[in-house]
Amino acid sequence: MKFALAIVACLCLQGCAVVAVADAVASTVIYTGKTVINVIDAVTPDIINKKKKD
């Protein structure tokens, strides 16, 4: 019984580790995308932020 409980506990902890790594990867991708957009906006602000002609 203790062995089965230990196996279940290990599997649950590994699942948490996978979720934590996936969250870190997703955050990195999102912030990298935001940084790229900000750099492009800084280099060419008139292309991204087109003003409407009145």
N, C-alpha and C. Protein backbone atom coordinates (compact mmCIF):
# COMPACT_ATOMS: atom_id res chain seq x y z
N MET A 1 0.82 -1.19 0.00
CA MET A 1 0.00 0.00 0.00
C MET A 1 0.86 1.26 0.00
N LYS A 2 1.92 1.26 0.84
CA LYS A 2 2.79 2.43 0.90
C LYS A 2 3.52 2.64 -0.42
N PHE A 3 3.88 1.53 -1.08
CA PHE A 3 4.58 1.63 -2.36
C PHE A 3 3.70 2.28 -3.42
N ALA A 4 2.44 1.87 -3.48
CA ALA A 4 1.50 2.43 -4.45
C ALA A 4 1.27 3.91 -4.17
N LEU A 5 1.16 4.28 -2.91
CA LEU A 5 0.98 5.68 -2.53
C LEU A 5 2.20 6.51 -2.93
N ALA A 6 3.38 5.95 -2.77
CA ALA A 6 4.61 6.64 -3.16
C ALA A 6 4.67 6.84 -4.67
N ILE A 7 4.24 5.84 -5.42
CA ILE A 7 4.22 5.96 -6.89
C ILE A 7 3.26 7.05 -7.32
N VAL A 8 2.08 7.07 -6.74
CA VAL A 8 1.08 8.09 -7.07
C VAL A 8 1.60 9.48 -6.72
N ALA A 9 2.24 9.62 -5.58
CA ALA A 9 2.78 10.91 -5.16
C ALA A 9 3.86 11.38 -6.14
N CYS A 10 4.72 10.47 -6.57
CA CYS A 10 5.77 10.84 -7.53
C CYS A 10 5.18 11.29 -8.86
N LEU A 11 4.17 10.58 -9.32
CA LEU A 11 3.54 10.96 -10.58
C LEU A 11 2.87 12.32 -10.49
N CYS A 12 2.24 12.61 -9.38
CA CYS A 12 1.60 13.91 -9.19
C CYS A 12 2.63 15.03 -9.17
N LEU A 13 3.74 14.79 -8.49
CA LEU A 13 4.78 15.82 -8.42
C LEU A 13 5.41 16.05 -9.79
N GLN A 14 5.58 15.00 -10.57
CA GLN A 14 6.13 15.17 -11.91
C GLN A 14 5.16 15.95 -12.79
N GLY A 15 3.87 15.73 -12.60
CA GLY A 15 2.87 16.49 -13.35
C GLY A 15 2.95 17.96 -13.04
N CYS A 16 3.16 18.28 -11.77
CA CYS A 16 3.30 19.69 -11.38
C CYS A 16 4.55 20.31 -12.00
N ALA A 17 5.62 19.54 -12.06
CA ALA A 17 6.85 20.04 -12.66
C ALA A 17 6.65 20.31 -14.15
N VAL A 18 5.92 19.44 -14.82
CA VAL A 18 5.66 19.63 -16.25
C VAL A 18 4.84 20.89 -16.46
N VAL A 19 3.84 21.10 -15.62
CA VAL A 19 3.01 22.31 -15.74
C VAL A 19 3.85 23.55 -15.48
N ALA A 20 4.74 23.50 -14.50
CA ALA A 20 5.58 24.66 -14.20
C ALA A 20 6.52 24.97 -15.35
N VAL A 21 7.09 23.95 -15.97
CA VAL A 21 7.98 24.17 -17.11
C VAL A 21 7.19 24.72 -18.30
N ALA A 22 6.02 24.17 -18.55
CA ALA A 22 5.19 24.66 -19.65
C ALA A 22 4.79 26.11 -19.43
N ASP A 23 4.49 26.47 -18.20
CA ASP A 23 4.14 27.85 -17.88
C ASP A 23 5.33 28.78 -18.11
N ALA A 24 6.51 28.35 -17.73
CA ALA A 24 7.71 29.17 -17.95
C ALA A 24 7.99 29.36 -19.44
N VAL A 25 7.81 28.30 -20.20
CA VAL A 25 8.04 28.39 -21.65
C VAL A 25 7.02 29.32 -22.29
N ALA A 26 5.76 29.19 -21.90
CA ALA A 26 4.72 30.06 -22.46
C ALA A 26 4.98 31.52 -22.11
N SER A 27 5.38 31.79 -20.89
CA SER A 27 5.69 33.16 -20.48
C SER A 27 6.85 33.72 -21.27
N THR A 28 7.86 32.90 -21.49
CA THR A 28 9.02 33.35 -22.27
C THR A 28 8.62 33.68 -23.70
N VAL A 29 7.80 32.86 -24.30
CA VAL A 29 7.35 33.10 -25.67
C VAL A 29 6.54 34.39 -25.74
N ILE A 30 5.65 34.60 -24.78
CA ILE A 30 4.81 35.79 -24.79
C ILE A 30 5.65 37.05 -24.63
N TYR A 31 6.57 37.05 -23.66
CA TYR A 31 7.39 38.24 -23.44
C TYR A 31 8.37 38.47 -24.58
N THR A 32 8.84 37.42 -25.23
CA THR A 32 9.70 37.59 -26.41
C THR A 32 8.90 38.23 -27.54
N GLY A 33 7.68 37.78 -27.73
CA GLY A 33 6.83 38.38 -28.76
C GLY A 33 6.55 39.85 -28.48
N LYS A 34 6.27 40.17 -27.24
CA LYS A 34 6.03 41.57 -26.88
C LYS A 34 7.28 42.42 -27.12
N THR A 35 8.44 41.87 -26.79
CA THR A 35 9.69 42.60 -27.00
C THR A 35 9.93 42.85 -28.48
N VAL A 36 9.70 41.85 -29.30
CA VAL A 36 9.88 42.02 -30.75
C VAL A 36 8.94 43.09 -31.28
N ILE A 37 7.69 43.07 -30.85
CA ILE A 37 6.74 44.09 -31.31
C ILE A 37 7.16 45.47 -30.84
N ASN A 38 7.64 45.59 -29.61
CA ASN A 38 8.08 46.90 -29.12
C ASN A 38 9.30 47.40 -29.87
N VAL A 39 10.22 46.51 -30.22
CA VAL A 39 11.40 46.93 -30.99
C VAL A 39 10.98 47.38 -32.38
N ILE A 40 10.11 46.64 -33.03
CA ILE A 40 9.63 47.03 -34.36
C ILE A 40 8.91 48.37 -34.27
N ASP A 41 8.11 48.55 -33.24
CA ASP A 41 7.38 49.81 -33.06
C ASP A 41 8.33 50.97 -32.83
N ALA A 42 9.42 50.73 -32.11
CA ALA A 42 10.40 51.79 -31.86
C ALA A 42 11.15 52.16 -33.14
N VAL A 43 11.43 51.16 -33.98
CA VAL A 43 12.18 51.41 -35.20
C VAL A 43 11.29 52.05 -36.27
N THR A 44 10.09 51.56 -36.39
CA THR A 44 9.18 52.06 -37.43
C THR A 44 7.81 52.37 -36.82
N PRO A 45 7.71 53.45 -36.06
CA PRO A 45 6.44 53.74 -35.39
C PRO A 45 5.31 54.11 -36.35
N ASP A 46 5.64 54.65 -37.51
CA ASP A 46 4.60 55.09 -38.44
C ASP A 46 3.94 53.92 -39.16
N ILE A 47 4.58 52.77 -39.22
CA ILE A 47 3.99 51.62 -39.90
C ILE A 47 2.94 50.95 -39.02
N ILE A 48 3.25 50.77 -37.75
CA ILE A 48 2.33 50.09 -36.84
C ILE A 48 1.25 51.03 -36.36
N ASN A 49 1.59 52.26 -36.03
CA ASN A 49 0.63 53.21 -35.48
C ASN A 49 0.20 54.22 -36.53
N LYS A 50 -0.46 53.74 -37.56
CA LYS A 50 -0.94 54.63 -38.61
C LYS A 50 -2.07 55.50 -38.06
N LYS A 51 -1.97 56.78 -38.34
CA LYS A 51 -3.04 57.70 -37.90
C LYS A 51 -4.05 57.85 -39.02
N LYS A 52 -5.30 57.93 -38.63
CA LYS A 52 -6.36 58.14 -39.62
C LYS A 52 -6.33 59.58 -40.10
N LYS A 53 -6.51 59.74 -41.39
CA LYS A 53 -6.58 61.09 -41.94
C LYS A 53 -7.99 61.63 -41.76
N ASP A 54 -8.07 62.80 -41.19
CA ASP A 54 -9.40 63.43 -40.97
C ASP A 54 -9.85 64.23 -42.15
